[in-house]
Amino acid sequence: MVCNRLDHAKCKGQIIEITVAAQKVKTSTAMAKLEQDTSDLLQNVKEGLQIQIHNLASLQEGEKTIRMEIQKIIERIYQEQESLLCELKIRSKKVKQAEQDLLQQETRICKLQKNISTIKQSGSDTYIFIKMKLAEENAFRERKSFLKESNNIKYKIGFQVNPLYSLMENTLGEIKFTSKSRSYSASSTQEAQIELPMAQDITKTVLKCECTFNIHSSKHLMELYGCVLLPNQHAVFIDSSNKRLVIHHENGSYLKDLPLPEKPFYITAVGSDEVAVSYSSSRMISIINIKTIQSDSKLTKYIDNCSRGICYDDGKVYFVDHDVGIKEVSIDKEVVRKIPVYLAGMGNIAVYKNRLYYTADHNNKLYCCDKSGKQIWTLSDNRLKAKKNSAPIAVDNYGNTFVAGPDTGVVIMITYDGKHQKVLIDETNAIRHPRGLFYDKQHKKLLLCYKKCGLAHLFHLQ
């Protein structure tokens, strides 16, 4: 009707009578295709039903397996419990026997003490002397009996769970589903091809400088070793040589200094007003509220050697324990998990979902691994190598990585799969010794600070 009112002329030659179109419809290819499509659909539904019957049987078998395996664990725990309680019972019997012996000895000594007091009251000196010697012998025998080891052991009973049990995750196990999707089978159409995910196009990404920070000076020559941008629009820098945090507004204006107990080297944001700082030369990580100036070192107990690179994601702090590996600590639950990544001189780290990125001292490589420690890819670039320290890194919302060359000042962006890269700052406009790099995922901003010149730049990604 709309066509008839507005633009019917264009339909000329394209419309035919329905009676003409319906001729020989019973034997037409359209009817045959409809019948075949319906038959294909019914066959696919029947095959789908068979798959679900198979799935139910598989799930029932899985339930039996879970119950059997858990029962084995329960039986083993009960066996361990009985063994431990049996050991306590044996010791308890020994203690009770020692108690009975001491009670009897107490009775004998009281009697001996009473006899000694009566000896002096009657008889000749010779009689008293003989009685005294007999009492002296009894007292010696009782003293020797008392000095037995069992009478003087004082127990302080405690129970320590085997570390292999205490460091376990919250769950006993994990159900893993291995699935394989079946394509729709149709005789009249081709199966669809599954398209693999493509790496994000970063070729058009550019940095636009929003602000240049002239970091507030102090007593000694500054050495900036890290930076973060907090949700409250505060930029926080660590000045190692002056043992302080320097806080600026993101517009560049100076706000305040916070003194630190030792020289800081690595920093990460853990909240709107909180940062975590590691000190490298000592076994300490401080969580500092820059608003209330309160400090907490509860993560320190998880450090075996000394802490280095540190980052934060989804309620968990990740840090490098020097010569030990990377550790993951849940701040609220205080559960620690060791990630078996071993690389000499490991320094800066970053995290994205199930991936970890890290660099090492005197090394020209960027490493990517999963949280089980399995390496995914490695990128080598001579511009990342440094005489001292490891290349600073950051990661964006899509798993793309930013890495800065400590000696060259070059900043490179690498895609999630490690196959593509773009130089955002090259040698011509670079400033040497970039030491801190932080990406603000909410506002797509990149904060970069330089070790020796007291400068920092805030970039916006376009």
Protein backbone atom coordinates (compact mmCIF):
# COMPACT_ATOMS: atom_id res chain seq x y z
CA MET A 1 0.00 0.00 0.00
CA VAL A 2 2.85 2.36 0.79
CA CYS A 3 4.49 1.51 -2.51
CA ASN A 4 1.25 2.19 -4.33
CA ARG A 5 0.89 5.64 -2.77
CA LEU A 6 4.46 6.88 -3.00
CA ASP A 7 6.52 5.30 -5.71
CA HIS A 8 4.55 2.64 -7.57
CA ALA A 9 6.13 3.52 -10.90
CA LYS A 10 9.48 1.95 -9.94
CA CYS A 11 7.77 -1.42 -9.43
CA LYS A 12 6.77 -1.70 -13.10
CA GLY A 13 8.00 -4.95 -14.57
CA GLN A 14 8.92 -6.37 -11.18
CA ILE A 15 5.47 -7.45 -9.94
CA ILE A 16 3.63 -10.52 -11.23
CA GLU A 17 0.22 -11.95 -10.48
CA ILE A 18 0.08 -14.42 -7.60
CA THR A 19 -1.79 -16.87 -9.80
CA VAL A 20 1.16 -16.89 -12.19
CA ALA A 21 3.70 -17.26 -9.38
CA ALA A 22 1.71 -20.16 -7.87
CA GLN A 23 1.65 -22.28 -11.03
CA LYS A 24 3.07 -25.82 -10.53
CA VAL A 25 3.90 -24.97 -6.89
CA LYS A 26 3.49 -28.63 -5.84
CA THR A 27 6.41 -29.74 -8.01
CA SER A 28 8.48 -26.55 -7.68
CA THR A 29 12.06 -26.41 -6.35
CA ALA A 30 10.86 -24.08 -3.59
CA MET A 31 8.48 -26.78 -2.27
CA ALA A 32 11.22 -29.40 -2.55
CA LYS A 33 13.66 -27.13 -0.67
CA LEU A 34 11.09 -26.50 2.10
CA GLU A 35 10.52 -30.26 2.49
CA GLN A 36 14.29 -30.91 2.57
CA ASP A 37 14.92 -28.07 5.08
CA THR A 38 12.17 -29.42 7.37
CA SER A 39 13.65 -32.93 7.13
CA ASP A 40 17.13 -31.55 7.90
CA LEU A 41 15.80 -29.63 10.93
CA LEU A 42 14.07 -32.75 12.30
CA GLN A 43 17.24 -34.81 11.86
CA ASN A 44 19.32 -32.14 13.66
CA VAL A 45 16.84 -32.06 16.55
CA LYS A 46 17.01 -35.87 16.88
CA GLU A 47 20.80 -35.75 16.89
CA GLY A 48 20.63 -32.95 19.47
CA LEU A 49 18.45 -35.15 21.69
CA GLN A 50 21.01 -37.96 21.45
CA ILE A 51 23.74 -35.51 22.47
CA GLN A 52 21.78 -34.41 25.57
CA ILE A 53 21.15 -38.07 26.52
CA HIS A 54 24.90 -38.63 26.24
CA ASN A 55 25.56 -35.48 28.31
CA LEU A 56 23.24 -36.64 31.11
CA ALA A 57 24.99 -40.01 31.23
CA SER A 58 28.37 -38.27 31.29
CA LEU A 59 27.27 -35.94 34.12
CA GLN A 60 26.00 -38.90 36.16
CA GLU A 61 29.35 -40.63 35.67
CA GLY A 62 31.07 -37.39 36.70
CA GLU A 63 29.00 -37.27 39.89
CA LYS A 64 30.10 -40.81 40.77
CA THR A 65 33.74 -39.88 40.14
CA ILE A 66 33.51 -36.73 42.31
CA ARG A 67 31.88 -38.61 45.17
CA MET A 68 34.48 -41.38 44.97
CA GLU A 69 37.49 -39.02 44.85
CA ILE A 70 36.17 -36.80 47.66
CA GLN A 71 35.46 -39.93 49.75
CA LYS A 72 39.09 -40.98 49.32
CA ILE A 73 40.22 -37.57 50.57
CA ILE A 74 37.82 -37.73 53.53
CA GLU A 75 39.05 -41.23 54.45
CA ARG A 76 42.65 -40.08 54.27
CA ILE A 77 41.88 -37.05 56.49
CA TYR A 78 40.15 -39.34 59.05
CA GLN A 79 43.17 -41.66 59.01
CA GLU A 80 45.45 -38.70 59.64
CA GLN A 81 43.13 -37.53 62.42
CA GLU A 82 43.14 -40.93 64.12
CA SER A 83 46.93 -41.15 63.87
CA LEU A 84 47.36 -37.71 65.45
CA LEU A 85 44.80 -38.41 68.21
CA CYS A 86 46.44 -41.78 68.93
CA GLU A 87 49.76 -40.00 69.46
CA LEU A 88 48.06 -37.64 71.91
CA LYS A 89 46.49 -40.57 73.80
CA ILE A 90 49.87 -42.27 74.25
CA ARG A 91 51.36 -39.07 75.62
CA SER A 92 48.28 -38.53 77.78
CA LYS A 93 48.78 -41.96 79.40
CA LYS A 94 52.38 -41.10 80.21
CA VAL A 95 51.34 -37.79 81.77
CA LYS A 96 48.64 -39.48 83.88
CA GLN A 97 51.13 -42.08 85.09
CA ALA A 98 53.60 -39.31 85.99
CA GLU A 99 50.80 -37.54 87.86
CA GLN A 100 50.00 -40.69 89.91
CA ASP A 101 53.68 -41.22 90.70
CA LEU A 102 54.04 -37.65 91.93
CA LEU A 103 50.92 -37.92 94.08
CA GLN A 104 52.29 -41.05 95.74
CA GLN A 105 55.66 -39.41 96.17
CA GLU A 106 54.00 -36.38 97.73
CA THR A 107 52.37 -38.65 100.29
CA ARG A 108 55.68 -40.37 101.10
CA ILE A 109 57.56 -37.08 101.46
CA CYS A 110 54.89 -35.66 103.77
CA LYS A 111 55.24 -38.78 105.92
CA LEU A 112 59.03 -38.45 105.86
CA GLN A 113 58.77 -34.79 106.83
CA LYS A 114 56.57 -35.72 109.78
CA ASN A 115 59.01 -38.44 110.88
CA ILE A 116 61.91 -35.99 110.77
CA SER A 117 60.08 -33.59 113.10
CA THR A 118 59.43 -36.41 115.63
CA ILE A 119 63.00 -37.82 115.54
CA LYS A 120 64.39 -34.82 117.43
CA GLN A 121 61.92 -35.15 120.27
CA SER A 122 62.86 -38.54 121.75
CA GLY A 123 65.73 -40.98 122.22
CA SER A 124 69.50 -40.72 122.65
CA ASP A 125 71.80 -38.93 120.28
CA THR A 126 72.90 -42.23 118.78
CA TYR A 127 69.30 -43.24 118.12
CA ILE A 128 68.53 -39.84 116.58
CA PHE A 129 71.69 -40.02 114.43
CA ILE A 130 70.73 -43.44 113.00
CA LYS A 131 67.14 -42.30 112.31
CA MET A 132 68.49 -39.14 110.66
CA LYS A 133 70.73 -41.17 108.32
CA LEU A 134 67.82 -43.44 107.37
CA ALA A 135 65.64 -40.36 106.65
CA GLU A 136 68.50 -38.84 104.67
CA GLU A 137 68.70 -41.97 102.49
CA ASN A 138 64.93 -41.91 101.91
CA ALA A 139 65.08 -38.23 100.99
CA PHE A 140 67.93 -38.92 98.52
CA ARG A 141 65.92 -41.75 96.93
CA GLU A 142 62.82 -39.54 96.61
CA ARG A 143 64.89 -36.71 95.10
CA LYS A 144 66.38 -39.10 92.54
CA SER A 145 62.89 -40.37 91.68
CA PHE A 146 61.57 -36.83 91.24
CA LEU A 147 64.37 -35.85 88.89
CA LYS A 148 63.19 -38.35 86.29
CA GLU A 149 62.64 -36.60 82.94
CA SER A 150 58.94 -37.42 82.74
CA ASN A 151 58.22 -35.52 85.95
CA ASN A 152 59.68 -32.24 84.69
CA ILE A 153 58.52 -31.99 81.10
CA LYS A 154 55.98 -29.23 80.56
CA TYR A 155 53.99 -29.62 77.36
CA LYS A 156 52.63 -26.76 75.27
CA ILE A 157 50.36 -28.51 72.82
CA GLY A 158 49.90 -26.97 69.38
CA PHE A 159 48.87 -28.17 65.98
CA GLN A 160 50.32 -27.01 62.68
CA VAL A 161 48.75 -27.96 59.39
CA ASN A 162 51.10 -29.20 56.71
CA PRO A 163 51.94 -26.15 54.47
CA LEU A 164 50.92 -28.17 51.41
CA TYR A 165 47.39 -28.20 52.87
CA SER A 166 47.30 -24.71 54.38
CA LEU A 167 48.40 -23.00 51.15
CA MET A 168 45.74 -24.72 49.07
CA GLU A 169 43.05 -22.77 47.27
CA ASN A 170 39.56 -22.58 48.78
CA THR A 171 38.24 -25.42 46.60
CA LEU A 172 39.20 -29.10 46.62
CA GLY A 173 39.08 -29.35 42.86
CA GLU A 174 37.62 -28.04 39.68
CA ILE A 175 35.14 -29.49 37.22
CA LYS A 176 36.45 -29.12 33.69
CA PHE A 177 34.05 -29.37 30.79
CA THR A 178 35.54 -30.31 27.45
CA SER A 179 32.95 -29.22 24.93
CA LYS A 180 32.72 -29.44 21.17
CA SER A 181 29.96 -27.57 19.39
CA ARG A 182 28.28 -29.46 16.54
CA SER A 183 27.50 -27.42 13.46
CA TYR A 184 24.01 -27.42 12.03
CA SER A 185 23.91 -29.99 9.25
CA ALA A 186 21.89 -29.05 6.19
CA SER A 187 22.02 -30.47 2.69
CA SER A 188 21.03 -27.19 1.03
CA THR A 189 23.52 -24.83 2.75
CA GLN A 190 27.24 -24.78 3.61
CA GLU A 191 28.48 -24.84 7.19
CA ALA A 192 29.57 -21.47 8.55
CA GLN A 193 33.26 -20.87 9.02
CA ILE A 194 34.42 -19.94 12.55
CA GLU A 195 36.40 -16.70 12.47
CA LEU A 196 39.37 -16.50 14.87
CA PRO A 197 39.72 -13.32 16.96
CA MET A 198 41.94 -10.72 15.36
CA ALA A 199 44.54 -8.57 17.13
CA GLN A 200 43.38 -5.01 17.76
CA ASP A 201 44.47 -2.47 15.16
CA ILE A 202 46.88 -0.09 16.92
CA THR A 203 48.38 1.53 13.83
CA LYS A 204 46.35 4.73 14.28
CA THR A 205 47.02 5.09 18.02
CA VAL A 206 48.82 8.33 18.95
CA LEU A 207 49.78 10.04 22.20
CA LYS A 208 48.64 13.59 22.94
CA CYS A 209 50.42 15.29 25.86
CA GLU A 210 47.90 16.77 28.30
CA CYS A 211 50.23 17.88 31.08
CA THR A 212 53.91 18.16 31.97
CA PHE A 213 54.83 17.74 35.64
CA ASN A 214 57.79 19.54 37.18
CA ILE A 215 58.10 17.38 40.27
CA HIS A 216 58.49 19.35 43.50
CA SER A 217 62.17 19.33 44.49
CA SER A 218 63.65 18.20 47.81
CA LYS A 219 66.93 18.02 49.71
CA HIS A 220 68.73 15.58 47.43
CA LEU A 221 68.76 15.18 43.65
CA MET A 222 65.55 13.40 42.67
CA GLU A 223 65.41 9.81 41.44
CA LEU A 224 61.86 9.02 40.31
CA TYR A 225 61.30 5.26 40.25
CA GLY A 226 57.56 4.95 39.67
CA CYS A 227 54.20 6.68 39.32
CA VAL A 228 50.45 6.07 39.48
CA LEU A 229 47.33 8.07 38.65
CA LEU A 230 44.56 7.62 41.23
CA PRO A 231 40.77 7.91 40.63
CA ASN A 232 40.77 11.03 42.84
CA GLN A 233 42.84 12.82 40.12
CA HIS A 234 46.04 12.68 42.15
CA ALA A 235 49.31 11.70 40.48
CA VAL A 236 51.68 9.98 42.93
CA PHE A 237 55.42 9.67 42.26
CA ILE A 238 58.06 7.80 44.29
CA ASP A 239 61.33 9.66 44.84
CA SER A 240 63.83 7.04 45.99
CA SER A 241 66.79 9.27 46.88
CA ASN A 242 64.62 11.48 49.16
CA LYS A 243 62.58 8.58 50.65
CA ARG A 244 59.21 10.15 49.88
CA LEU A 245 55.97 10.09 47.90
CA VAL A 246 55.39 13.26 45.90
CA ILE A 247 51.72 14.04 45.20
CA HIS A 248 50.57 16.35 42.42
CA HIS A 249 47.15 17.07 40.96
CA GLU A 250 46.78 15.66 37.45
CA ASN A 251 46.74 19.24 36.18
CA GLY A 252 50.39 19.44 37.29
CA SER A 253 50.07 21.46 40.53
CA TYR A 254 52.00 20.28 43.58
CA LEU A 255 49.97 19.10 46.62
CA LYS A 256 52.22 17.50 49.28
CA ASP A 257 55.03 15.10 50.23
CA LEU A 258 54.73 11.95 52.33
CA PRO A 259 57.97 10.68 53.98
CA LEU A 260 58.79 6.98 53.79
CA PRO A 261 60.93 4.84 56.16
CA GLU A 262 63.23 3.55 53.40
CA LYS A 263 64.06 4.11 49.74
CA PRO A 264 61.03 3.09 47.62
CA PHE A 265 61.42 1.52 44.18
CA TYR A 266 58.01 0.24 42.95
CA ILE A 267 54.43 1.47 43.34
CA THR A 268 50.89 0.51 42.33
CA ALA A 269 47.39 1.86 43.03
CA VAL A 270 45.16 -0.32 45.24
CA GLY A 271 42.18 2.01 45.73
CA SER A 272 40.90 5.54 45.20
CA ASP A 273 43.21 6.89 47.93
CA GLU A 274 45.63 4.01 48.54
CA VAL A 275 48.92 2.88 47.01
CA ALA A 276 51.18 -0.10 47.66
CA VAL A 277 54.93 0.56 47.77
CA SER A 278 57.80 -1.96 47.75
CA TYR A 279 61.32 -1.14 48.86
CA SER A 280 63.52 -3.70 47.04
CA SER A 281 66.37 -3.58 49.55
CA SER A 282 64.19 -4.92 52.39
CA ARG A 283 61.41 -7.42 53.09
CA MET A 284 58.61 -4.84 53.22
CA ILE A 285 55.53 -3.72 51.28
CA SER A 286 53.54 -0.76 52.64
CA ILE A 287 49.91 0.03 51.82
CA ILE A 288 49.60 3.79 52.32
CA ASN A 289 46.46 5.91 52.41
CA ILE A 290 47.61 9.26 50.99
CA LYS A 291 44.54 10.99 52.41
CA THR A 292 44.80 9.85 56.03
CA ILE A 293 48.59 9.18 55.88
CA GLN A 294 48.03 5.79 57.52
CA SER A 295 50.37 2.92 56.62
CA ASP A 296 49.95 -0.86 56.86
CA SER A 297 52.62 -3.50 56.20
CA LYS A 298 50.43 -6.63 56.40
CA LEU A 299 51.79 -7.96 53.07
CA THR A 300 55.35 -8.01 54.41
CA LYS A 301 54.91 -11.45 55.99
CA TYR A 302 54.54 -13.02 52.53
CA ILE A 303 58.01 -11.91 51.37
CA ASP A 304 60.75 -14.55 51.59
CA ASN A 305 63.64 -12.55 50.14
CA CYS A 306 63.00 -8.95 49.08
CA SER A 307 60.19 -7.33 47.11
CA ARG A 308 60.56 -5.77 43.66
CA GLY A 309 57.97 -5.06 40.95
CA ILE A 310 54.37 -4.72 42.12
CA CYS A 311 50.92 -4.33 40.50
CA TYR A 312 47.24 -4.64 41.46
CA ASP A 313 44.15 -6.15 39.80
CA ASP A 314 40.70 -7.17 41.03
CA GLY A 315 41.44 -7.15 44.77
CA LYS A 316 44.79 -8.91 44.43
CA VAL A 317 48.35 -7.63 44.70
CA TYR A 318 51.04 -9.23 42.55
CA PHE A 319 54.69 -8.72 43.42
CA VAL A 320 58.12 -10.10 42.57
CA ASP A 321 59.81 -11.90 45.47
CA HIS A 322 63.47 -11.67 44.41
CA ASP A 323 64.94 -15.06 43.38
CA VAL A 324 61.67 -16.75 44.44
CA GLY A 325 59.11 -15.82 41.75
CA ILE A 326 55.86 -13.88 41.45
CA LYS A 327 53.32 -14.02 44.30
CA GLU A 328 49.60 -13.27 44.25
CA VAL A 329 48.04 -12.06 47.50
CA SER A 330 44.34 -11.45 48.09
CA ILE A 331 44.27 -8.35 50.31
CA ASP A 332 40.94 -9.04 52.04
CA LYS A 333 41.29 -12.81 52.54
CA GLU A 334 45.08 -12.67 52.89
CA VAL A 335 45.55 -15.81 50.81
CA VAL A 336 48.89 -16.12 49.07
CA ARG A 337 49.63 -18.10 45.91
CA LYS A 338 53.04 -18.55 44.31
CA ILE A 339 53.23 -18.32 40.51
CA PRO A 340 56.22 -20.38 39.32
CA VAL A 341 57.98 -17.81 37.14
CA TYR A 342 61.77 -17.84 37.50
CA LEU A 343 63.93 -15.22 35.76
CA ALA A 344 67.07 -13.63 37.16
CA GLY A 345 66.70 -9.93 37.87
CA MET A 346 62.92 -9.83 37.33
CA GLY A 347 61.74 -6.28 37.96
CA ASN A 348 58.59 -4.64 36.56
CA ILE A 349 55.33 -6.59 36.19
CA ALA A 350 51.79 -5.90 34.91
CA VAL A 351 48.61 -7.99 34.91
CA TYR A 352 45.61 -8.33 32.58
CA LYS A 353 42.87 -10.87 33.40
CA ASN A 354 44.64 -14.26 33.30
CA ARG A 355 47.92 -12.89 31.94
CA LEU A 356 51.12 -11.58 33.50
CA TYR A 357 53.71 -9.40 31.76
CA TYR A 358 57.23 -8.86 33.10
CA THR A 359 60.71 -7.56 32.25
CA ALA A 360 64.14 -8.14 33.81
CA ASP A 361 67.34 -6.20 34.48
CA HIS A 362 69.95 -6.01 31.67
CA ASN A 363 67.45 -7.73 29.36
CA ASN A 364 65.89 -6.64 26.05
CA LYS A 365 62.78 -8.82 26.30
CA LEU A 366 59.13 -8.47 27.28
CA TYR A 367 57.57 -11.70 28.57
CA CYS A 368 53.92 -12.75 28.64
CA CYS A 369 52.70 -15.79 30.59
CA ASP A 370 49.46 -17.07 32.10
CA LYS A 371 48.86 -17.17 35.85
CA SER A 372 50.05 -20.76 36.06
CA GLY A 373 53.48 -19.55 34.89
CA LYS A 374 53.22 -21.01 31.36
CA GLN A 375 54.87 -18.71 28.82
CA ILE A 376 52.59 -17.44 26.03
CA TRP A 377 54.93 -15.24 24.01
CA THR A 378 58.18 -13.25 24.23
CA LEU A 379 59.18 -10.06 22.42
CA SER A 380 62.84 -9.10 21.89
CA ASP A 381 63.82 -5.50 21.09
CA ASN A 382 67.28 -3.99 21.64
CA ARG A 383 65.66 -0.63 22.47
CA LEU A 384 64.37 -2.16 25.74
CA LYS A 385 67.79 -3.18 27.05
CA ALA A 386 69.25 -1.12 29.91
CA LYS A 387 72.49 -0.87 31.85
CA LYS A 388 70.46 -0.79 35.07
CA ASN A 389 66.88 -1.67 36.04
CA SER A 390 64.21 -3.38 33.95
CA ALA A 391 61.94 -1.75 31.37
CA PRO A 392 58.77 -0.22 32.92
CA ILE A 393 55.49 -1.68 31.58
CA ALA A 394 51.73 -1.06 31.72
CA VAL A 395 48.69 -2.72 30.15
CA ASP A 396 45.41 -1.28 28.80
CA ASN A 397 41.79 -2.49 28.87
CA TYR A 398 42.33 -4.91 25.95
CA GLY A 399 45.59 -6.57 26.98
CA ASN A 400 47.76 -4.32 24.80
CA THR A 401 51.08 -3.60 26.51
CA PHE A 402 53.07 -0.37 26.84
CA VAL A 403 56.80 -0.72 27.47
CA ALA A 404 59.49 1.97 27.71
CA GLY A 405 63.19 1.62 26.94
CA PRO A 406 65.10 2.66 30.10
CA ASP A 407 68.11 4.00 28.14
CA THR A 408 66.54 4.96 24.80
CA GLY A 409 63.33 6.56 26.11
CA VAL A 410 61.34 4.85 23.35
CA VAL A 411 57.74 3.89 24.24
CA ILE A 412 56.28 0.95 22.31
CA MET A 413 52.72 -0.40 22.24
CA ILE A 414 52.34 -4.17 21.65
CA THR A 415 49.12 -6.00 20.81
CA TYR A 416 47.52 -8.69 22.98
CA ASP A 417 49.00 -11.51 20.89
CA GLY A 418 52.51 -9.98 20.82
CA LYS A 419 52.59 -9.98 17.00
CA HIS A 420 52.11 -6.28 16.23
CA GLN A 421 53.66 -3.15 17.68
CA LYS A 422 53.71 0.61 17.23
CA VAL A 423 56.27 3.12 18.41
CA LEU A 424 54.43 5.88 20.29
CA ILE A 425 57.57 7.83 21.30
CA ASP A 426 60.69 7.37 19.18
CA GLU A 427 64.33 8.37 19.68
CA THR A 428 63.84 11.84 18.20
CA ASN A 429 61.42 13.08 20.88
CA ALA A 430 62.31 10.70 23.73
CA ILE A 431 63.63 11.68 27.16
CA ARG A 432 66.20 9.28 28.57
CA HIS A 433 65.69 7.09 31.64
CA PRO A 434 61.90 6.61 31.81
CA ARG A 435 61.42 4.68 35.05
CA GLY A 436 57.69 4.83 35.84
CA LEU A 437 54.82 3.93 33.51
CA PHE A 438 51.13 3.75 34.45
CA TYR A 439 47.96 3.39 32.35
CA ASP A 440 44.64 4.78 33.60
CA LYS A 441 42.10 2.32 32.14
CA GLN A 442 39.08 4.46 32.96
CA HIS A 443 40.21 7.63 31.18
CA LYS A 444 42.70 6.07 28.68
CA LYS A 445 45.63 8.09 29.96
CA LEU A 446 49.30 7.13 30.12
CA LEU A 447 51.52 8.59 32.88
CA LEU A 448 55.28 8.48 32.28
CA CYS A 449 57.99 9.72 34.66
CA TYR A 450 61.73 10.00 34.15
CA LYS A 451 64.31 8.95 36.71
CA LYS A 452 66.80 11.82 36.81
CA CYS A 453 65.34 15.05 35.41
CA GLY A 454 62.34 15.49 37.75
CA LEU A 455 59.91 15.47 34.82
CA ALA A 456 56.74 13.51 34.07
CA HIS A 457 54.21 13.58 31.23
CA LEU A 458 50.53 12.72 31.17
CA PHE A 459 49.35 11.54 27.74
CA HIS A 460 45.90 10.89 26.37
CA LEU A 461 45.55 8.01 23.89
CA GLN A 462 43.75 8.84 20.68
